[in-house]
Amino acid sequence: MEFRGKIKKLLMKLQALEGVEGCLVAMRNGSVLEALMPHDLDIGRLAAMAASMLGAAEVAAETVRRGVARHLTLETEGVTLIITGAGSKAFLLILAAKTTTPHLLKDLEEACKAITEFLP
């Protein structure tokens, strides 16, 4: 199975987790590889903004010299957005209900390891 198929299968597993409303994997430049998101979202724009936000967070983490950034969390009134680096080439973005966020972090970490292995 090619890497996009593997990523799609992984996203389907994440989408099935309680509270997950959408997920995507994109390259660090914001190019979307695969996505399972609500149809009313502009996933290209979301991925581009997420890439910028994650890059800025990683630079901030380097600046304070206390280790690498593990994930970036943005809470809105209706949803929590979690962005996690998947190696040096990609990232994973999850839209989730606020109440489920703490339970998802371990699953996201494991998913990012798998994504890193899938990419050529």
PDB file of N, CA and C in Angstrom:
ATOM      1  N   MET A   1       0.856  -1.186   0.000  1.00  0.00           N
ATOM      2  CA  MET A   1       0.000   0.000   0.000  1.00  0.00           C
ATOM      3  C   MET A   1       0.897   1.243   0.000  1.00  0.00           C
ATOM      4  N   GLU A   2       0.604   2.188  -0.881  1.00  0.00           N
ATOM      5  CA  GLU A   2       1.396   3.409  -0.938  1.00  0.00           C
ATOM      6  C   GLU A   2       1.188   4.256   0.316  1.00  0.00           C
ATOM      7  N   PHE A   3       2.088   5.220   0.528  1.00  0.00           N
ATOM      8  CA  PHE A   3       2.053   5.979   1.778  1.00  0.00           C
ATOM      9  C   PHE A   3       0.764   6.775   1.959  1.00  0.00           C
ATOM     10  N   ARG A   4       0.169   7.306   0.896  1.00  0.00           N
ATOM     11  CA  ARG A   4      -1.090   8.055   1.048  1.00  0.00           C
ATOM     12  C   ARG A   4      -2.218   7.147   1.529  1.00  0.00           C
ATOM     13  N   GLY A   5      -2.250   5.932   1.035  1.00  0.00           N
ATOM     14  CA  GLY A   5      -3.251   4.968   1.492  1.00  0.00           C
ATOM     15  C   GLY A   5      -3.076   4.632   2.961  1.00  0.00           C
ATOM     16  N   LYS A   6      -1.828   4.501   3.390  1.00  0.00           N
ATOM     17  CA  LYS A   6      -1.546   4.219   4.801  1.00  0.00           C
ATOM     18  C   LYS A   6      -1.964   5.393   5.681  1.00  0.00           C
ATOM     19  N   ILE A   7      -1.691   6.600   5.201  1.00  0.00           N
ATOM     20  CA  ILE A   7      -2.081   7.792   5.964  1.00  0.00           C
ATOM     21  C   ILE A   7      -3.599   7.890   6.042  1.00  0.00           C
ATOM     22  N   LYS A   8      -4.287   7.638   4.942  1.00  0.00           N
ATOM     23  CA  LYS A   8      -5.755   7.692   4.931  1.00  0.00           C
ATOM     24  C   LYS A   8      -6.329   6.691   5.932  1.00  0.00           C
ATOM     25  N   LYS A   9      -5.779   5.487   5.963  1.00  0.00           N
ATOM     26  CA  LYS A   9      -6.234   4.456   6.898  1.00  0.00           C
ATOM     27  C   LYS A   9      -6.004   4.905   8.346  1.00  0.00           C
ATOM     28  N   LEU A  10      -4.855   5.514   8.603  1.00  0.00           N
ATOM     29  CA  LEU A  10      -4.555   6.026   9.940  1.00  0.00           C
ATOM     30  C   LEU A  10      -5.538   7.131  10.328  1.00  0.00           C
ATOM     31  N   LEU A  11      -5.843   8.034   9.396  1.00  0.00           N
ATOM     32  CA  LEU A  11      -6.797   9.111   9.676  1.00  0.00           C
ATOM     33  C   LEU A  11      -8.187   8.554   9.971  1.00  0.00           C
ATOM     34  N   MET A  12      -8.559   7.488   9.294  1.00  0.00           N
ATOM     35  CA  MET A  12      -9.862   6.870   9.552  1.00  0.00           C
ATOM     36  C   MET A  12      -9.918   6.313  10.979  1.00  0.00           C
ATOM     37  N   LYS A  13      -8.815   5.753  11.457  1.00  0.00           N
ATOM     38  CA  LYS A  13      -8.758   5.260  12.839  1.00  0.00           C
ATOM     39  C   LYS A  13      -8.869   6.420  13.827  1.00  0.00           C
ATOM     40  N   LEU A  14      -8.163   7.515  13.541  1.00  0.00           N
ATOM     41  CA  LEU A  14      -8.232   8.683  14.420  1.00  0.00           C
ATOM     42  C   LEU A  14      -9.631   9.286  14.415  1.00  0.00           C
ATOM     43  N   GLN A  15     -10.241   9.354  13.241  1.00  0.00           N
ATOM     44  CA  GLN A  15     -11.586   9.918  13.107  1.00  0.00           C
ATOM     45  C   GLN A  15     -12.595   9.137  13.947  1.00  0.00           C
ATOM     46  N   ALA A  16     -12.338   7.858  14.147  1.00  0.00           N
ATOM     47  CA  ALA A  16     -13.249   7.008  14.915  1.00  0.00           C
ATOM     48  C   ALA A  16     -13.120   7.209  16.424  1.00  0.00           C
ATOM     49  N   LEU A  17     -12.069   7.896  16.870  1.00  0.00           N
ATOM     50  CA  LEU A  17     -11.900   8.126  18.304  1.00  0.00           C
ATOM     51  C   LEU A  17     -12.961   9.095  18.817  1.00  0.00           C
ATOM     52  N   GLU A  18     -13.376   8.884  20.035  1.00  0.00           N
ATOM     53  CA  GLU A  18     -14.404   9.728  20.643  1.00  0.00           C
ATOM     54  C   GLU A  18     -13.980  11.193  20.653  1.00  0.00           C
ATOM     55  N   GLY A  19     -14.849  12.048  20.151  1.00  0.00           N
ATOM     56  CA  GLY A  19     -14.618  13.484  20.184  1.00  0.00           C
ATOM     57  C   GLY A  19     -13.879  14.055  18.991  1.00  0.00           C
ATOM     58  N   VAL A  20     -13.308  13.215  18.132  1.00  0.00           N
ATOM     59  CA  VAL A  20     -12.573  13.717  16.973  1.00  0.00           C
ATOM     60  C   VAL A  20     -13.568  14.113  15.887  1.00  0.00           C
ATOM     61  N   GLU A  21     -13.496  15.375  15.474  1.00  0.00           N
ATOM     62  CA  GLU A  21     -14.398  15.896  14.452  1.00  0.00           C
ATOM     63  C   GLU A  21     -13.755  15.945  13.075  1.00  0.00           C
ATOM     64  N   GLY A  22     -12.435  15.924  13.036  1.00  0.00           N
ATOM     65  CA  GLY A  22     -11.728  15.959  11.766  1.00  0.00           C
ATOM     66  C   GLY A  22     -10.239  15.822  11.987  1.00  0.00           C
ATOM     67  N   CYS A  23      -9.521  15.431  10.935  1.00  0.00           N
ATOM     68  CA  CYS A  23      -8.072  15.301  11.036  1.00  0.00           C
ATOM     69  C   CYS A  23      -7.458  15.416   9.647  1.00  0.00           C
ATOM     70  N   LEU A  24      -6.210  15.843   9.621  1.00  0.00           N
ATOM     71  CA  LEU A  24      -5.490  15.922   8.358  1.00  0.00           C
ATOM     72  C   LEU A  24      -4.009  15.740   8.597  1.00  0.00           C
ATOM     73  N   VAL A  25      -3.319  15.320   7.548  1.00  0.00           N
ATOM     74  CA  VAL A  25      -1.861  15.255   7.538  1.00  0.00           C
ATOM     75  C   VAL A  25      -1.406  16.139   6.391  1.00  0.00           C
ATOM     76  N   ALA A  26      -0.441  17.000   6.679  1.00  0.00           N
ATOM     77  CA  ALA A  26       0.089  17.906   5.664  1.00  0.00           C
ATOM     78  C   ALA A  26       1.604  17.951   5.768  1.00  0.00           C
ATOM     79  N   MET A  27       2.222  18.392   4.691  1.00  0.00           N
ATOM     80  CA  MET A  27       3.658  18.615   4.692  1.00  0.00           C
ATOM     81  C   MET A  27       3.937  19.893   5.482  1.00  0.00           C
ATOM     82  N   ARG A  28       5.167  20.075   5.890  1.00  0.00           N
ATOM     83  CA  ARG A  28       5.529  21.253   6.683  1.00  0.00           C
ATOM     84  C   ARG A  28       5.304  22.567   5.934  1.00  0.00           C
ATOM     85  N   ASN A  29       5.202  22.518   4.607  1.00  0.00           N
ATOM     86  CA  ASN A  29       4.917  23.739   3.849  1.00  0.00           C
ATOM     87  C   ASN A  29       3.418  24.027   3.744  1.00  0.00           C
ATOM     88  N   GLY A  30       2.591  23.158   4.335  1.00  0.00           N
ATOM     89  CA  GLY A  30       1.147  23.360   4.330  1.00  0.00           C
ATOM     90  C   GLY A  30       0.400  22.586   3.260  1.00  0.00           C
ATOM     91  N   SER A  31       1.100  21.860   2.405  1.00  0.00           N
ATOM     92  CA  SER A  31       0.443  21.054   1.364  1.00  0.00           C
ATOM     93  C   SER A  31      -0.241  19.849   1.997  1.00  0.00           C
ATOM     94  N   VAL A  32      -1.536  19.715   1.766  1.00  0.00           N
ATOM     95  CA  VAL A  32      -2.316  18.634   2.374  1.00  0.00           C
ATOM     96  C   VAL A  32      -2.010  17.315   1.669  1.00  0.00           C
ATOM     97  N   LEU A  33      -1.699  16.281   2.469  1.00  0.00           N
ATOM     98  CA  LEU A  33      -1.508  14.931   1.929  1.00  0.00           C
ATOM     99  C   LEU A  33      -2.827  14.171   1.925  1.00  0.00           C
ATOM    100  N   GLU A  34      -3.485  14.142   3.063  1.00  0.00           N
ATOM    101  CA  GLU A  34      -4.784  13.477   3.209  1.00  0.00           C
ATOM    102  C   GLU A  34      -5.567  14.204   4.288  1.00  0.00           C
ATOM    103  N   ALA A  35      -6.894  14.188   4.170  1.00  0.00           N
ATOM    104  CA  ALA A  35      -7.731  14.868   5.157  1.00  0.00           C
ATOM    105  C   ALA A  35      -9.093  14.202   5.280  1.00  0.00           C
ATOM    106  N   LEU A  36      -9.586  14.166   6.486  1.00  0.00           N
ATOM    107  CA  LEU A  36     -10.967  13.788   6.793  1.00  0.00           C
ATOM    108  C   LEU A  36     -11.498  14.919   7.668  1.00  0.00           C
ATOM    109  N   MET A  37     -12.075  15.915   7.036  1.00  0.00           N
ATOM    110  CA  MET A  37     -12.519  17.122   7.721  1.00  0.00           C
ATOM    111  C   MET A  37     -13.963  17.429   7.353  1.00  0.00           C
ATOM    112  N   PRO A  38     -14.638  18.218   8.209  1.00  0.00           N
ATOM    113  CA  PRO A  38     -15.978  18.684   7.844  1.00  0.00           C
ATOM    114  C   PRO A  38     -15.921  19.410   6.494  1.00  0.00           C
ATOM    115  N   HIS A  39     -16.940  19.222   5.677  1.00  0.00           N
ATOM    116  CA  HIS A  39     -16.941  19.742   4.312  1.00  0.00           C
ATOM    117  C   HIS A  39     -16.987  21.262   4.224  1.00  0.00           C
ATOM    118  N   ASP A  40     -17.382  21.935   5.301  1.00  0.00           N
ATOM    119  CA  ASP A  40     -17.490  23.388   5.249  1.00  0.00           C
ATOM    120  C   ASP A  40     -16.172  24.098   5.564  1.00  0.00           C
ATOM    121  N   LEU A  41     -15.094  23.351   5.765  1.00  0.00           N
ATOM    122  CA  LEU A  41     -13.803  23.956   6.081  1.00  0.00           C
ATOM    123  C   LEU A  41     -12.923  24.061   4.841  1.00  0.00           C
ATOM    124  N   ASP A  42     -12.143  25.124   4.775  1.00  0.00           N
ATOM    125  CA  ASP A  42     -11.141  25.291   3.723  1.00  0.00           C
ATOM    126  C   ASP A  42      -9.871  24.616   4.227  1.00  0.00           C
ATOM    127  N   ILE A  43      -9.680  23.347   3.872  1.00  0.00           N
ATOM    128  CA  ILE A  43      -8.567  22.590   4.451  1.00  0.00           C
ATOM    129  C   ILE A  43      -7.207  23.093   3.966  1.00  0.00           C
ATOM    130  N   GLY A  44      -7.146  23.640   2.770  1.00  0.00           N
ATOM    131  CA  GLY A  44      -5.884  24.198   2.291  1.00  0.00           C
ATOM    132  C   GLY A  44      -5.446  25.379   3.140  1.00  0.00           C
ATOM    133  N   ARG A  45      -6.392  26.248   3.417  1.00  0.00           N
ATOM    134  CA  ARG A  45      -6.105  27.420   4.256  1.00  0.00           C
ATOM    135  C   ARG A  45      -5.755  26.988   5.676  1.00  0.00           C
ATOM    136  N   LEU A  46      -6.513  26.040   6.224  1.00  0.00           N
ATOM    137  CA  LEU A  46      -6.262  25.549   7.573  1.00  0.00           C
ATOM    138  C   LEU A  46      -4.875  24.927   7.672  1.00  0.00           C
ATOM    139  N   ALA A  47      -4.502  24.106   6.704  1.00  0.00           N
ATOM    140  CA  ALA A  47      -3.186  23.463   6.725  1.00  0.00           C
ATOM    141  C   ALA A  47      -2.062  24.489   6.612  1.00  0.00           C
ATOM    142  N   ALA A  48      -2.241  25.500   5.769  1.00  0.00           N
ATOM    143  CA  ALA A  48      -1.222  26.541   5.622  1.00  0.00           C
ATOM    144  C   ALA A  48      -1.030  27.308   6.930  1.00  0.00           C
ATOM    145  N   MET A  49      -2.137  27.673   7.575  1.00  0.00           N
ATOM    146  CA  MET A  49      -2.047  28.386   8.852  1.00  0.00           C
ATOM    147  C   MET A  49      -1.433  27.496   9.940  1.00  0.00           C
ATOM    148  N   ALA A  50      -1.820  26.232   9.959  1.00  0.00           N
ATOM    149  CA  ALA A  50      -1.286  25.299  10.955  1.00  0.00           C
ATOM    150  C   ALA A  50       0.219  25.114  10.778  1.00  0.00           C
ATOM    151  N   ALA A  51       0.677  25.051   9.528  1.00  0.00           N
ATOM    152  CA  ALA A  51       2.111  24.913   9.269  1.00  0.00           C
ATOM    153  C   ALA A  51       2.868  26.117   9.822  1.00  0.00           C
ATOM    154  N   SER A  52       2.330  27.305   9.605  1.00  0.00           N
ATOM    155  CA  SER A  52       2.962  28.525  10.126  1.00  0.00           C
ATOM    156  C   SER A  52       2.963  28.548  11.645  1.00  0.00           C
ATOM    157  N   MET A  53       1.832  28.187  12.235  1.00  0.00           N
ATOM    158  CA  MET A  53       1.722  28.183  13.700  1.00  0.00           C
ATOM    159  C   MET A  53       2.690  27.186  14.327  1.00  0.00           C
ATOM    160  N   LEU A  54       2.767  25.981  13.755  1.00  0.00           N
ATOM    161  CA  LEU A  54       3.658  24.963  14.298  1.00  0.00           C
ATOM    162  C   LEU A  54       5.114  25.394  14.160  1.00  0.00           C
ATOM    163  N   GLY A  55       5.454  25.965  13.015  1.00  0.00           N
ATOM    164  CA  GLY A  55       6.819  26.456  12.821  1.00  0.00           C
ATOM    165  C   GLY A  55       7.191  27.514  13.845  1.00  0.00           C
ATOM    166  N   ALA A  56       6.283  28.453  14.095  1.00  0.00           N
ATOM    167  CA  ALA A  56       6.535  29.499  15.089  1.00  0.00           C
ATOM    168  C   ALA A  56       6.661  28.910  16.490  1.00  0.00           C
ATOM    169  N   ALA A  57       5.818  27.946  16.824  1.00  0.00           N
ATOM    170  CA  ALA A  57       5.879  27.308  18.146  1.00  0.00           C
ATOM    171  C   ALA A  57       7.198  26.567  18.330  1.00  0.00           C
ATOM    172  N   GLU A  58       7.670  25.915  17.274  1.00  0.00           N
ATOM    173  CA  GLU A  58       8.937  25.189  17.380  1.00  0.00           C
ATOM    174  C   GLU A  58      10.113  26.140  17.558  1.00  0.00           C
ATOM    175  N   VAL A  59      10.081  27.288  16.889  1.00  0.00           N
ATOM    176  CA  VAL A  59      11.132  28.292  17.072  1.00  0.00           C
ATOM    177  C   VAL A  59      11.081  28.844  18.496  1.00  0.00           C
ATOM    178  N   ALA A  60       9.880  29.086  19.011  1.00  0.00           N
ATOM    179  CA  ALA A  60       9.745  29.568  20.392  1.00  0.00           C
ATOM    180  C   ALA A  60      10.310  28.545  21.373  1.00  0.00           C
ATOM    181  N   ALA A  61      10.041  27.263  21.137  1.00  0.00           N
ATOM    182  CA  ALA A  61      10.567  26.210  22.017  1.00  0.00           C
ATOM    183  C   ALA A  61      12.094  26.184  21.976  1.00  0.00           C
ATOM    184  N   GLU A  62      12.666  26.357  20.791  1.00  0.00           N
ATOM    185  CA  GLU A  62      14.128  26.418  20.676  1.00  0.00           C
ATOM    186  C   GLU A  62      14.679  27.620  21.436  1.00  0.00           C
ATOM    187  N   THR A  63      13.975  28.729  21.366  1.00  0.00           N
ATOM    188  CA  THR A  63      14.425  29.964  21.998  1.00  0.00           C
ATOM    189  C   THR A  63      14.513  29.834  23.514  1.00  0.00           C
ATOM    190  N   VAL A  64      13.563  29.138  24.113  1.00  0.00           N
ATOM    191  CA  VAL A  64      13.591  28.987  25.573  1.00  0.00           C
ATOM    192  C   VAL A  64      14.481  27.825  26.017  1.00  0.00           C
ATOM    193  N   ARG A  65      14.993  27.064  25.071  1.00  0.00           N
ATOM    194  CA  ARG A  65      15.958  25.986  25.330  1.00  0.00           C
ATOM    195  C   ARG A  65      15.521  25.019  26.420  1.00  0.00           C
ATOM    196  N   ARG A  66      14.279  24.547  26.303  1.00  0.00           N
ATOM    197  CA  ARG A  66      13.761  23.579  27.278  1.00  0.00           C
ATOM    198  C   ARG A  66      13.220  22.330  26.587  1.00  0.00           C
ATOM    199  N   GLY A  67      13.740  22.043  25.408  1.00  0.00           N
ATOM    200  CA  GLY A  67      13.283  20.869  24.675  1.00  0.00           C
ATOM    201  C   GLY A  67      12.463  21.251  23.459  1.00  0.00           C
ATOM    202  N   VAL A  68      12.086  20.243  22.703  1.00  0.00           N
ATOM    203  CA  VAL A  68      11.322  20.474  21.472  1.00  0.00           C
ATOM    204  C   VAL A  68       9.828  20.564  21.776  1.00  0.00           C
ATOM    205  N   ALA A  69       9.122  21.271  20.922  1.00  0.00           N
ATOM    206  CA  ALA A  69       7.666  21.385  21.064  1.00  0.00           C
ATOM    207  C   ALA A  69       7.033  20.033  20.758  1.00  0.00           C
ATOM    208  N   ARG A  70       6.157  19.567  21.620  1.00  0.00           N
ATOM    209  CA  ARG A  70       5.469  18.289  21.405  1.00  0.00           C
ATOM    210  C   ARG A  70       4.195  18.464  20.597  1.00  0.00           C
ATOM    211  N   HIS A  71       3.417  19.480  20.938  1.00  0.00           N
ATOM    212  CA  HIS A  71       2.190  19.769  20.202  1.00  0.00           C
ATOM    213  C   HIS A  71       1.776  21.204  20.480  1.00  0.00           C
ATOM    214  N   LEU A  72       0.901  21.701  19.642  1.00  0.00           N
ATOM    215  CA  LEU A  72       0.354  23.043  19.783  1.00  0.00           C
ATOM    216  C   LEU A  72      -1.154  22.894  19.898  1.00  0.00           C
ATOM    217  N   THR A  73      -1.740  23.519  20.904  1.00  0.00           N
ATOM    218  CA  THR A  73      -3.177  23.409  21.135  1.00  0.00           C
ATOM    219  C   THR A  73      -3.821  24.789  21.045  1.00  0.00           C
ATOM    220  N   LEU A  74      -4.899  24.875  20.278  1.00  0.00           N
ATOM    221  CA  LEU A  74      -5.675  26.104  20.150  1.00  0.00           C
ATOM    222  C   LEU A  74      -7.111  25.784  20.532  1.00  0.00           C
ATOM    223  N   GLU A  75      -7.595  26.430  21.577  1.00  0.00           N
ATOM    224  CA  GLU A  75      -8.971  26.197  22.021  1.00  0.00           C
ATOM    225  C   GLU A  75      -9.856  27.350  21.571  1.00  0.00           C
ATOM    226  N   THR A  76     -10.972  27.010  20.944  1.00  0.00           N
ATOM    227  CA  THR A  76     -11.981  27.996  20.582  1.00  0.00           C
ATOM    228  C   THR A  76     -13.222  27.696  21.420  1.00  0.00           C
ATOM    229  N   GLU A  77     -14.276  28.450  21.206  1.00  0.00           N
ATOM    230  CA  GLU A  77     -15.511  28.187  21.950  1.00  0.00           C
ATOM    231  C   GLU A  77     -16.091  26.819  21.618  1.00  0.00           C
ATOM    232  N   GLY A  78     -15.914  26.377  20.369  1.00  0.00           N
ATOM    233  CA  GLY A  78     -16.580  25.156  19.954  1.00  0.00           C
ATOM    234  C   GLY A  78     -15.715  23.937  19.739  1.00  0.00           C
ATOM    235  N   VAL A  79     -14.394  24.117  19.631  1.00  0.00           N
ATOM    236  CA  VAL A  79     -13.544  22.975  19.294  1.00  0.00           C
ATOM    237  C   VAL A  79     -12.107  23.245  19.742  1.00  0.00           C
ATOM    238  N   THR A  80     -11.352  22.187  19.900  1.00  0.00           N
ATOM    239  CA  THR A  80      -9.925  22.294  20.175  1.00  0.00           C
ATOM    240  C   THR A  80      -9.176  21.800  18.949  1.00  0.00           C
ATOM    241  N   LEU A  81      -8.182  22.554  18.537  1.00  0.00           N
ATOM    242  CA  LEU A  81      -7.339  22.193  17.413  1.00  0.00           C
ATOM    243  C   LEU A  81      -5.981  21.795  17.976  1.00  0.00           C
ATOM    244  N   ILE A  82      -5.502  20.602  17.633  1.00  0.00           N
ATOM    245  CA  ILE A  82      -4.207  20.125  18.107  1.00  0.00           C
ATOM    246  C   ILE A  82      -3.330  19.866  16.891  1.00  0.00           C
ATOM    247  N   ILE A  83      -2.143  20.464  16.890  1.00  0.00           N
ATOM    248  CA  ILE A  83      -1.190  20.292  15.798  1.00  0.00           C
ATOM    249  C   ILE A  83       0.052  19.627  16.378  1.00  0.00           C
ATOM    250  N   THR A  84       0.473  18.532  15.756  1.00  0.00           N
ATOM    251  CA  THR A  84       1.626  17.779  16.236  1.00  0.00           C
ATOM    252  C   THR A  84       2.555  17.499  15.066  1.00  0.00           C
ATOM    253  N   GLY A  85       3.844  17.775  15.245  1.00  0.00           N
ATOM    254  CA  GLY A  85       4.814  17.463  14.209  1.00  0.00           C
ATOM    255  C   GLY A  85       4.925  15.960  14.020  1.00  0.00           C
ATOM    256  N   ALA A  86       5.077  15.552  12.763  1.00  0.00           N
ATOM    257  CA  ALA A  86       5.286  14.140  12.426  1.00  0.00           C
ATOM    258  C   ALA A  86       6.632  14.052  11.714  1.00  0.00           C
ATOM    259  N   GLY A  87       7.687  14.123  12.486  1.00  0.00           N
ATOM    260  CA  GLY A  87       9.026  14.156  11.913  1.00  0.00           C
ATOM    261  C   GLY A  87       9.322  15.524  11.330  1.00  0.00           C
ATOM    262  N   SER A  88      10.343  15.581  10.495  1.00  0.00           N
ATOM    263  CA  SER A  88      10.764  16.861   9.924  1.00  0.00           C
ATOM    264  C   SER A  88      10.003  17.227   8.652  1.00  0.00           C
ATOM    265  N   LYS A  89       9.189  16.303   8.122  1.00  0.00           N
ATOM    266  CA  LYS A  89       8.526  16.544   6.843  1.00  0.00           C
ATOM    267  C   LYS A  89       7.043  16.883   6.934  1.00  0.00           C
ATOM    268  N   ALA A  90       6.367  16.461   7.998  1.00  0.00           N
ATOM    269  CA  ALA A  90       4.903  16.558   8.010  1.00  0.00           C
ATOM    270  C   ALA A  90       4.372  16.914   9.393  1.00  0.00           C
ATOM    271  N   PHE A  91       3.056  17.122   9.457  1.00  0.00           N
ATOM    272  CA  PHE A  91       2.386  17.321  10.740  1.00  0.00           C
ATOM    273  C   PHE A  91       0.981  16.748  10.663  1.00  0.00           C
ATOM    274  N   LEU A  92       0.428  16.513  11.839  1.00  0.00           N
ATOM    275  CA  LEU A  92      -0.926  15.993  12.000  1.00  0.00           C
ATOM    276  C   LEU A  92      -1.746  17.057  12.701  1.00  0.00           C
ATOM    277  N   LEU A  93      -2.947  17.315  12.198  1.00  0.00           N
ATOM    278  CA  LEU A  93      -3.865  18.273  12.812  1.00  0.00           C
ATOM    279  C   LEU A  93      -5.158  17.542  13.146  1.00  0.00           C
ATOM    280  N   ILE A  94      -5.645  17.763  14.353  1.00  0.00           N
ATOM    281  CA  ILE A  94      -6.888  17.147  14.821  1.00  0.00           C
ATOM    282  C   ILE A  94      -7.837  18.245  15.288  1.00  0.00           C
ATOM    283  N   LEU A  95      -9.107  18.141  14.912  1.00  0.00           N
ATOM    284  CA  LEU A  95     -10.174  18.959  15.487  1.00  0.00           C
ATOM    285  C   LEU A  95     -10.917  18.059  16.453  1.00  0.00           C
ATOM    286  N   ALA A  96     -11.023  18.485  17.707  1.00  0.00           N
ATOM    287  CA  ALA A  96     -11.639  17.616  18.712  1.00  0.00           C
ATOM    288  C   ALA A  96     -12.487  18.416  19.684  1.00  0.00           C
ATOM    289  N   ALA A  97     -13.459  17.728  20.270  1.00  0.00           N
ATOM    290  CA  ALA A  97     -14.252  18.323  21.345  1.00  0.00           C
ATOM    291  C   ALA A  97     -13.319  18.601  22.516  1.00  0.00           C
ATOM    292  N   LYS A  98     -13.531  19.711  23.203  1.00  0.00           N
ATOM    293  CA  LYS A  98     -12.651  20.103  24.310  1.00  0.00           C
ATOM    294  C   LYS A  98     -12.487  19.019  25.366  1.00  0.00           C
ATOM    295  N   THR A  99     -13.543  18.340  25.681  1.00  0.00           N
ATOM    296  CA  THR A  99     -13.502  17.374  26.779  1.00  0.00           C
ATOM    297  C   THR A  99     -12.650  16.152  26.476  1.00  0.00           C
ATOM    298  N   THR A 100     -12.386  15.889  25.204  1.00  0.00           N
ATOM    299  CA  THR A 100     -11.621  14.691  24.852  1.00  0.00           C
ATOM    300  C   THR A 100     -10.138  14.961  24.652  1.00  0.00           C
ATOM    301  N   THR A 101      -9.726  16.203  24.632  1.00  0.00           N
ATOM    302  CA  THR A 101      -8.352  16.554  24.299  1.00  0.00           C
ATOM    303  C   THR A 101      -7.297  15.810  25.115  1.00  0.00           C
ATOM    304  N   PRO A 102      -7.363  15.776  26.440  1.00  0.00           N
ATOM    305  CA  PRO A 102      -6.307  15.089  27.193  1.00  0.00           C
ATOM    306  C   PRO A 102      -6.176  13.607  26.840  1.00  0.00           C
ATOM    307  N   HIS A 103      -7.264  12.980  26.495  1.00  0.00           N
ATOM    308  CA  HIS A 103      -7.240  11.549  26.183  1.00  0.00           C
ATOM    309  C   HIS A 103      -6.637  11.262  24.807  1.00  0.00           C
ATOM    310  N   LEU A 104      -6.591  12.245  23.940  1.00  0.00           N
ATOM    311  CA  LEU A 104      -6.128  12.032  22.572  1.00  0.00           C
ATOM    312  C   LEU A 104      -4.619  12.129  22.403  1.00  0.00           C
ATOM    313  N   LEU A 105      -3.924  12.770  23.318  1.00  0.00           N
ATOM    314  CA  LEU A 105      -2.512  13.074  23.106  1.00  0.00           C
ATOM    315  C   LEU A 105      -1.653  11.836  22.879  1.00  0.00           C
ATOM    316  N   LYS A 106      -1.889  10.766  23.614  1.00  0.00           N
ATOM    317  CA  LYS A 106      -1.109   9.534  23.415  1.00  0.00           C
ATOM    318  C   LYS A 106      -1.385   8.951  22.031  1.00  0.00           C
ATOM    319  N   ASP A 107      -2.651   8.942  21.612  1.00  0.00           N
ATOM    320  CA  ASP A 107      -3.002   8.443  20.280  1.00  0.00           C
ATOM    321  C   ASP A 107      -2.337   9.278  19.183  1.00  0.00           C
ATOM    322  N   LEU A 108      -2.281  10.584  19.385  1.00  0.00           N
ATOM    323  CA  LEU A 108      -1.668  11.463  18.397  1.00  0.00           C
ATOM    324  C   LEU A 108      -0.171  11.214  18.296  1.00  0.00           C
ATOM    325  N   GLU A 109       0.471  11.014  19.428  1.00  0.00           N
ATOM    326  CA  GLU A 109       1.905  10.739  19.440  1.00  0.00           C
ATOM    327  C   GLU A 109       2.212   9.456  18.660  1.00  0.00           C
ATOM    328  N   GLU A 110       1.438   8.424  18.883  1.00  0.00           N
ATOM    329  CA  GLU A 110       1.625   7.156  18.166  1.00  0.00           C
ATOM    330  C   GLU A 110       1.349   7.329  16.673  1.00  0.00           C
ATOM    331  N   ALA A 111       0.329   8.097  16.333  1.00  0.00           N
ATOM    332  CA  ALA A 111      -0.002   8.334  14.927  1.00  0.00           C
ATOM    333  C   ALA A 111       1.126   9.078  14.220  1.00  0.00           C
ATOM    334  N   CYS A 112       1.726  10.048  14.889  1.00  0.00           N
ATOM    335  CA  CYS A 112       2.822  10.808  14.282  1.00  0.00           C
ATOM    336  C   CYS A 112       4.037   9.922  14.019  1.00  0.00           C
ATOM    337  N   LYS A 113       4.309   8.999  14.915  1.00  0.00           N
ATOM    338  CA  LYS A 113       5.409   8.051  14.682  1.00  0.00           C
ATOM    339  C   LYS A 113       5.129   7.220  13.434  1.00  0.00           C
ATOM    340  N   ALA A 114       3.896   6.768  13.283  1.00  0.00           N
ATOM    341  CA  ALA A 114       3.526   5.973  12.109  1.00  0.00           C
ATOM    342  C   ALA A 114       3.639   6.798  10.829  1.00  0.00           C
ATOM    343  N   ILE A 115       3.181   8.044  10.860  1.00  0.00           N
ATOM    344  CA  ILE A 115       3.249   8.914   9.682  1.00  0.00           C
ATOM    345  C   ILE A 115       4.697   9.090   9.250  1.00  0.00           C
ATOM    346  N   THR A 116       5.583   9.296  10.216  1.00  0.00           N
ATOM    347  CA  THR A 116       7.004   9.456   9.916  1.00  0.00           C
ATOM    348  C   THR A 116       7.541   8.233   9.176  1.00  0.00           C
ATOM    349  N   GLU A 117       7.101   7.063   9.573  1.00  0.00           N
ATOM    350  CA  GLU A 117       7.545   5.830   8.915  1.00  0.00           C
ATOM    351  C   GLU A 117       6.937   5.673   7.522  1.00  0.00           C
ATOM    352  N   PHE A 118       5.728   6.194   7.294  1.00  0.00           N
ATOM    353  CA  PHE A 118       5.050   6.052   6.006  1.00  0.00           C
ATOM    354  C   PHE A 118       5.666   6.917   4.912  1.00  0.00           C
ATOM    355  N   LEU A 119       6.154   8.101   5.288  1.00  0.00           N
ATOM    356  CA  LEU A 119       6.614   9.061   4.284  1.00  0.00           C
ATOM    357  C   LEU A 119       7.885   8.583   3.599  1.00  0.00           C
ATOM    358  N   PRO A 120       7.979   8.842   2.296  1.00  0.00           N
ATOM    359  CA  PRO A 120       9.189   8.424   1.565  1.00  0.00           C
ATOM    360  C   PRO A 120      10.392   9.271   1.945  1.00  0.00           C
TER     361      PRO A 120
END
